[in-house]
Structure formats: structure tokens, C-alpha cells
Amino acid sequence: MINQVSAIIVNFNAGILLSACVNSLLNCAHIQQVVVVDNASTDSSLDAISQLSRVNIIRNSVNIGFASACNIGLNQVDSELVLFFNPDCSLPSGSLESLIDCLYSDDAIGMVGGLLINPDGSEQAGGRRLVPTPWRSFVRAFGLHRLETRWPRLFFDFDLHKHPLPATPIGVEAISGACMLVKRQAIESVGLWDEGYFLHCEDLDWCMRFRRKGWKIMFVPTAKIVHEQGACSRSRPVFVEWHKHKGMMRFYRKFFQHQYPGILMWLVALGVWFRFAAVASYYTFRRFWHG
């Protein structure tokens, strides 16, 4: 049986990558339609796909953020399976089939993701990961994950891409919003994306909520997705970092504030904004230095 999939792409100035992304999806037999929600792009990325069949373009007058755009796309589709896919990704032949097979292998599986790879074939971070709790983020920020071999339970890194690649699908705490294949039934159970996030951490939020509702999340190593990571955000790195760190704080407060004493959450917030100040200063200096 052919399981029809609706793909949702949130676009913002993806350039020629958007066309490559859409065409890779249209080449998959399971794709019923592709919905491109454009967040007020100022480039010509939509031109090459505007006349394609099975492609529905929704043009927002302003950039409303990733989560809100995903929800707009969801309101336009009624298929049993929904694929959220970044415009800087492309889907090699056979990958979608691997994701679908895994998703239907267990009624309790609500979401699956694939192996995110760089154009050179190396694995990216984020495709399989643990939830970055405040403690795990502290471990990462201060390099304590290097102690993982001696005290793995205490200093475990939340990104799993440096671990051996499994041969078969495995359950994980979180996958990347760059590629999420989700059952409609699970979405109706969990609810829509949290529009309180503008950019970054909304995928972690959704993964947390899926698991709290009892849905399994699976990583499928045979489903490769080529990801030109950061292609849509390179022109505004400080803007992206601001919303990334703001999203981190929303995520921590929403899911972990009750587990941590007030002073510790205050230290977490201080660390998050100190990191943002350092990163923003770096990008600002680099831009000034290079003119």
C-alpha cells in the first residue's frame, strides 16, 4: 500500500536550495503534495517552484517564525503522514521509504527522523540526540563531556553523532526539525508546534511533548538526508543566535524549572545569556574586521 505523505517546508531566503529540495521530494512516489510556507523571503527562491504541480505556496507578509509557519502548513493538509523538511535538505532515493517502514513498524511510534549528513557524507549533529537538559548543556558548555569515558552517567554528551552508527532503527529522546516524519494521529494527540518559539528549540519542545504523551521517537540510520546546515541563516547570524538562546530559555523554563532550585535556574540563565553575548560579539567583530 502506498502511504501518501504531505511535505511541509518553511522557507526563508533559501535560494537555489529550495528548488533542489522540492524536486527531491517530488521524485518520491509517496509524496502527495508539497506545501511551502514562505516567511517573507526577499530573494528569488520561489521563482523556480511557482509553476510546479503538487506544490502549494503560502506567502506570509512577514517572518512569523518556524513553528507558526509549520502550523499554517499543517492546516493545509489532511494526509495521514506529514513530513516536516528544511529547504536546505534533499532526500535521496529510498530514504522516505525507510522512514515510512519504521513509522509503521509499531503503533506506538509517532515520529521518525533520518541520518542527517553533510555534503561530504559525514554525519551531522542533531539527527539523534538526548534532550539538552540544563545539566547536559552545562556539561557541554564547559567541556566536561570529555569525562564521559570515565563517568558516562554523569558527563554524557547530548549529541550522539560521535557514537557508532546503529545498524537498525533505535529509539531516541529527540531528532532534528530538519526532517521529521509524523503520524497525524500523534499530532492530534500531542497538539501543534509551540508558537512561543520563533527559531530553534521548537523541535526539542515537540519531541518532549511526544514522549510525555507516550509516543516513541525513532532514528532511522538507513534514511539519509543531505543537509546544507545553516544555509538560510548565514546572512543574519546574530539574529539567529538571539532567537536560539531565547528559545533555550523558554525550553528550560517550560520543562525543567520545577526540577531545579531557583538559584540554579538563575545560573543557567546567566550562562545562556553570557554565551549569547560572546557569540554575538564574535560575529559583530568578524563582520567589522572583514568589512
Protein backbone atom coordinates (compact mmCIF):
# COMPACT_ATOMS: atom_id res chain seq x y z
CA MET A 1 0.00 0.00 0.00
CA ILE A 2 1.31 3.46 -0.90
CA ASN A 3 1.13 5.71 2.13
CA GLN A 4 0.59 9.27 0.97
CA VAL A 5 2.73 11.94 2.59
CA SER A 6 2.28 15.70 2.65
CA ALA A 7 5.55 17.59 2.97
CA ILE A 8 5.77 20.97 4.69
CA ILE A 9 8.72 23.28 4.04
CA VAL A 10 9.24 26.59 5.83
CA ASN A 11 11.29 28.82 3.53
CA PHE A 12 13.25 31.96 4.20
CA ASN A 13 15.70 33.04 1.51
CA ALA A 14 16.89 29.50 0.76
CA GLY A 15 17.92 30.47 -2.78
CA ILE A 16 18.54 27.65 -5.24
CA LEU A 17 18.50 25.09 -2.43
CA LEU A 18 14.71 25.32 -2.21
CA SER A 19 14.25 24.14 -5.79
CA ALA A 20 16.59 21.19 -5.24
CA CYS A 21 14.75 20.33 -2.04
CA VAL A 22 11.28 20.42 -3.60
CA ASN A 23 12.34 18.39 -6.62
CA SER A 24 13.92 15.71 -4.45
CA LEU A 25 10.56 15.38 -2.67
CA LEU A 26 8.51 15.33 -5.86
CA ASN A 27 10.66 12.45 -7.10
CA CYS A 28 9.37 10.31 -4.21
CA ALA A 29 6.34 8.21 -5.10
CA HIS A 30 4.83 8.66 -1.64
CA ILE A 31 4.70 12.46 -1.76
CA GLN A 32 1.13 13.61 -2.34
CA GLN A 33 1.82 17.34 -2.10
CA VAL A 34 4.46 19.83 -1.03
CA VAL A 35 3.36 22.89 0.94
CA VAL A 36 5.94 25.69 1.00
CA VAL A 37 5.23 28.29 3.68
CA ASP A 38 7.37 31.30 2.83
CA ASN A 39 8.27 33.69 5.64
CA ALA A 40 8.54 36.87 3.57
CA SER A 41 11.64 35.91 1.60
CA THR A 42 13.36 38.71 -0.28
CA ASP A 43 15.29 36.50 -2.71
CA SER A 44 14.09 34.65 -5.82
CA SER A 45 13.86 31.23 -4.18
CA LEU A 46 10.17 30.80 -5.00
CA ASP A 47 10.51 31.54 -8.71
CA ALA A 48 11.77 28.11 -9.75
CA ILE A 49 8.95 26.24 -7.99
CA SER A 50 5.99 28.54 -8.60
CA GLN A 51 4.72 26.55 -11.60
CA LEU A 52 5.33 23.04 -10.30
CA SER A 53 2.37 20.71 -9.90
CA ARG A 54 1.63 19.30 -6.44
CA VAL A 55 3.30 22.37 -4.91
CA ASN A 56 1.25 24.83 -2.86
CA ILE A 57 2.98 28.09 -1.91
CA ILE A 58 1.75 30.16 1.03
CA ARG A 59 3.31 33.61 1.17
CA ASN A 60 3.43 35.29 4.57
CA SER A 61 3.78 39.08 4.53
CA VAL A 62 6.20 38.98 7.49
CA ASN A 63 8.53 36.43 9.04
CA ILE A 64 6.33 34.75 11.64
CA GLY A 65 8.91 32.17 12.72
CA PHE A 66 9.36 28.47 12.12
CA ALA A 67 6.78 26.99 14.49
CA SER A 68 3.96 29.29 13.39
CA ALA A 69 4.73 28.59 9.73
CA CYS A 70 4.70 24.83 10.37
CA ASN A 71 1.24 25.14 11.91
CA ILE A 72 -0.01 27.12 8.90
CA GLY A 73 1.24 24.32 6.67
CA LEU A 74 -0.47 21.70 8.83
CA ASN A 75 -3.79 23.45 8.40
CA GLN A 76 -3.45 22.97 4.62
CA VAL A 77 -3.00 19.19 4.62
CA ASP A 78 -5.11 16.21 5.65
CA SER A 79 -2.84 13.25 4.87
CA GLU A 80 -2.14 10.50 7.38
CA LEU A 81 1.59 11.24 7.33
CA VAL A 82 3.25 14.67 7.44
CA LEU A 83 6.90 15.33 6.65
CA PHE A 84 8.48 18.50 8.01
CA PHE A 85 11.51 19.21 5.87
CA ASN A 86 14.03 22.04 5.78
CA PRO A 87 14.59 23.87 2.46
CA ASP A 88 18.33 23.26 2.72
CA CYS A 89 17.79 19.48 2.73
CA SER A 90 17.43 16.97 -0.08
CA LEU A 91 16.03 13.45 0.08
CA PRO A 92 18.00 10.67 -1.69
CA SER A 93 16.11 7.80 -3.27
CA GLY A 94 14.80 5.23 -0.81
CA SER A 95 15.14 7.39 2.31
CA LEU A 96 11.46 8.26 2.63
CA GLU A 97 10.51 4.60 2.24
CA SER A 98 12.84 3.70 5.13
CA LEU A 99 11.22 6.35 7.32
CA ILE A 100 7.70 5.16 6.47
CA ASP A 101 8.57 1.50 7.13
CA CYS A 102 9.90 2.38 10.57
CA LEU A 103 6.97 4.63 11.41
CA TYR A 104 4.51 1.81 10.69
CA SER A 105 6.56 -0.92 12.39
CA ASP A 106 4.99 -0.11 15.78
CA ASP A 107 1.70 1.58 16.60
CA ALA A 108 3.42 3.43 19.45
CA ILE A 109 5.90 5.19 17.14
CA GLY A 110 4.71 8.75 16.48
CA MET A 111 7.75 10.40 14.89
CA VAL A 112 10.84 9.29 12.97
CA GLY A 113 13.93 11.05 11.66
CA GLY A 114 16.83 10.07 9.47
CA LEU A 115 20.60 10.33 9.24
CA LEU A 116 21.50 13.96 8.60
CA ILE A 117 24.67 14.14 6.56
CA ASN A 118 26.89 16.92 5.28
CA PRO A 119 27.51 17.17 1.53
CA ASP A 120 30.80 15.28 2.12
CA GLY A 121 28.89 12.35 3.61
CA SER A 122 29.85 12.87 7.27
CA GLU A 123 27.15 12.73 9.94
CA GLN A 124 25.85 15.98 11.39
CA ALA A 125 24.97 16.64 14.99
CA GLY A 126 21.27 16.79 15.88
CA GLY A 127 19.82 13.91 13.92
CA ARG A 128 19.95 11.68 17.01
CA ARG A 129 20.30 13.22 20.43
CA LEU A 130 19.34 13.33 24.05
CA VAL A 131 17.29 16.19 25.38
CA PRO A 132 19.71 19.00 26.36
CA THR A 133 18.71 19.42 29.98
CA PRO A 134 20.31 22.33 31.85
CA TRP A 135 22.86 19.91 33.34
CA ARG A 136 23.76 18.37 29.99
CA SER A 137 24.09 21.85 28.49
CA PHE A 138 26.39 22.80 31.39
CA VAL A 139 28.49 19.70 30.70
CA ARG A 140 28.76 20.64 27.02
CA ALA A 141 29.49 24.33 27.65
CA PHE A 142 32.41 23.60 29.96
CA GLY A 143 33.83 20.65 28.02
CA LEU A 144 33.01 18.16 30.76
CA HIS A 145 31.72 15.67 28.18
CA ARG A 146 35.38 14.71 27.73
CA LEU A 147 34.99 12.86 31.05
CA GLU A 148 32.26 10.67 29.57
CA THR A 149 34.54 7.64 29.22
CA ARG A 150 35.20 7.63 33.00
CA TRP A 151 31.76 8.72 34.29
CA PRO A 152 29.31 8.12 31.43
CA ARG A 153 26.15 8.54 33.51
CA LEU A 154 27.22 11.93 34.83
CA PHE A 155 29.01 13.51 31.87
CA PHE A 156 27.09 12.15 28.89
CA ASP A 157 27.01 14.43 25.85
CA PHE A 158 23.53 15.04 24.43
CA ASP A 159 24.64 14.83 20.77
CA LEU A 160 25.01 11.19 19.76
CA HIS A 161 26.59 11.58 16.30
CA LYS A 162 30.04 10.71 17.66
CA HIS A 163 28.77 7.34 18.83
CA PRO A 164 28.86 4.34 16.48
CA LEU A 165 26.06 4.40 13.92
CA PRO A 166 23.48 1.72 14.73
CA ALA A 167 22.63 -0.83 12.06
CA THR A 168 18.88 -0.65 12.65
CA PRO A 169 16.39 1.99 13.85
CA ILE A 170 16.71 2.91 17.52
CA GLY A 171 14.60 4.91 19.95
CA VAL A 172 15.97 8.34 20.86
CA GLU A 173 14.87 11.23 23.03
CA ALA A 174 14.92 13.77 20.20
CA ILE A 175 15.54 14.24 16.49
CA SER A 176 16.03 17.33 14.35
CA GLY A 177 13.26 19.52 12.98
CA ALA A 178 15.17 19.49 9.69
CA CYS A 179 13.45 16.17 8.91
CA MET A 180 10.52 14.83 10.90
CA LEU A 181 8.01 12.30 9.57
CA VAL A 182 4.98 12.30 11.87
CA LYS A 183 1.70 10.42 12.13
CA ARG A 184 -1.43 12.55 12.00
CA GLN A 185 -2.83 10.56 14.93
CA ALA A 186 0.17 11.56 17.03
CA ILE A 187 -0.17 15.24 16.13
CA GLU A 188 -3.83 15.18 17.17
CA SER A 189 -2.77 13.63 20.47
CA VAL A 190 0.13 15.98 21.23
CA GLY A 191 -1.01 19.25 19.68
CA LEU A 192 0.55 21.74 17.29
CA TRP A 193 4.03 23.27 17.39
CA ASP A 194 4.53 25.79 20.22
CA GLU A 195 4.40 29.19 18.54
CA GLY A 196 6.11 30.77 21.53
CA TYR A 197 9.38 29.79 19.84
CA PHE A 198 10.50 31.82 16.84
CA LEU A 199 13.55 29.86 15.71
CA HIS A 200 15.34 26.91 17.36
CA CYS A 201 14.29 24.58 20.22
CA GLU A 202 10.72 24.19 18.95
CA ASP A 203 11.69 20.73 17.65
CA LEU A 204 13.03 19.74 21.08
CA ASP A 205 9.81 21.02 22.63
CA TRP A 206 7.71 18.87 20.30
CA CYS A 207 9.87 15.81 20.99
CA MET A 208 9.44 16.32 24.74
CA ARG A 209 5.68 16.57 24.37
CA PHE A 210 5.51 13.49 22.10
CA ARG A 211 7.37 11.38 24.66
CA ARG A 212 5.24 12.70 27.53
CA LYS A 213 2.16 11.52 25.64
CA GLY A 214 3.69 8.07 25.29
CA TRP A 215 4.79 8.26 21.67
CA LYS A 216 8.10 6.71 20.64
CA ILE A 217 10.63 8.69 18.58
CA MET A 218 12.91 6.71 16.30
CA PHE A 219 16.16 7.41 14.50
CA VAL A 220 16.50 5.56 11.17
CA PRO A 221 20.16 5.24 10.12
CA THR A 222 19.37 3.96 6.61
CA ALA A 223 17.32 7.08 5.77
CA LYS A 224 19.95 9.57 4.63
CA ILE A 225 19.13 13.28 4.31
CA VAL A 226 21.68 15.66 2.82
CA HIS A 227 21.60 18.88 4.85
CA GLU A 228 23.31 22.13 3.88
CA GLN A 229 23.18 23.20 7.50
CA GLY A 230 22.75 26.92 8.18
CA ALA A 231 22.28 27.91 4.55
CA CYS A 232 19.22 30.00 5.37
CA SER A 233 20.71 31.78 8.39
CA ARG A 234 24.24 32.75 7.40
CA SER A 235 23.29 36.29 6.42
CA ARG A 236 21.94 37.13 9.91
CA PRO A 237 23.95 35.15 12.47
CA VAL A 238 23.34 37.48 15.45
CA PHE A 239 19.58 37.47 14.79
CA VAL A 240 19.62 33.67 14.65
CA GLU A 241 21.72 33.36 17.81
CA TRP A 242 19.39 35.72 19.70
CA HIS A 243 16.36 33.57 18.94
CA LYS A 244 18.32 30.37 19.55
CA HIS A 245 19.28 31.45 23.06
CA LYS A 246 15.83 32.90 23.74
CA GLY A 247 14.36 29.55 22.68
CA MET A 248 16.73 27.72 25.02
CA MET A 249 15.48 29.76 27.96
CA ARG A 250 11.83 29.11 27.07
CA PHE A 251 12.59 25.39 26.77
CA TYR A 252 14.34 25.24 30.14
CA ARG A 253 11.62 27.18 31.96
CA LYS A 254 8.83 25.16 30.38
CA PHE A 255 10.17 21.69 31.14
CA PHE A 256 12.80 21.92 33.88
CA GLN A 257 12.12 24.89 36.15
CA HIS A 258 10.27 22.72 38.64
CA GLN A 259 13.24 20.31 38.85
CA TYR A 260 15.94 22.89 39.59
CA PRO A 261 16.29 25.28 42.56
CA GLY A 262 15.77 28.95 41.74
CA ILE A 263 19.43 29.83 42.17
CA LEU A 264 20.45 27.11 39.73
CA MET A 265 17.98 28.29 37.10
CA TRP A 266 19.34 31.80 37.62
CA LEU A 267 22.85 30.48 36.95
CA VAL A 268 21.57 28.64 33.88
CA ALA A 269 20.04 31.88 32.57
CA LEU A 270 23.26 33.75 33.28
CA GLY A 271 25.23 31.13 31.38
CA VAL A 272 22.85 31.21 28.41
CA TRP A 273 22.99 34.98 28.02
CA PHE A 274 26.73 35.12 28.67
CA ARG A 275 27.17 32.65 25.83
CA PHE A 276 24.93 34.74 23.58
CA ALA A 277 26.96 37.88 24.37
CA ALA A 278 30.18 36.05 23.50
CA VAL A 279 28.83 34.63 20.23
CA ALA A 280 27.22 37.92 19.18
CA SER A 281 30.45 39.79 19.91
CA TYR A 282 32.38 37.31 17.79
CA TYR A 283 30.08 37.72 14.79
CA THR A 284 29.98 41.50 15.16
CA PHE A 285 33.77 41.74 15.37
CA ARG A 286 34.23 39.41 12.41
CA ARG A 287 31.81 41.45 10.30
CA PHE A 288 33.56 44.71 11.28
CA TRP A 289 37.02 43.22 10.67
CA HIS A 290 36.13 41.88 7.21
CA GLY A 291 34.17 44.99 6.27
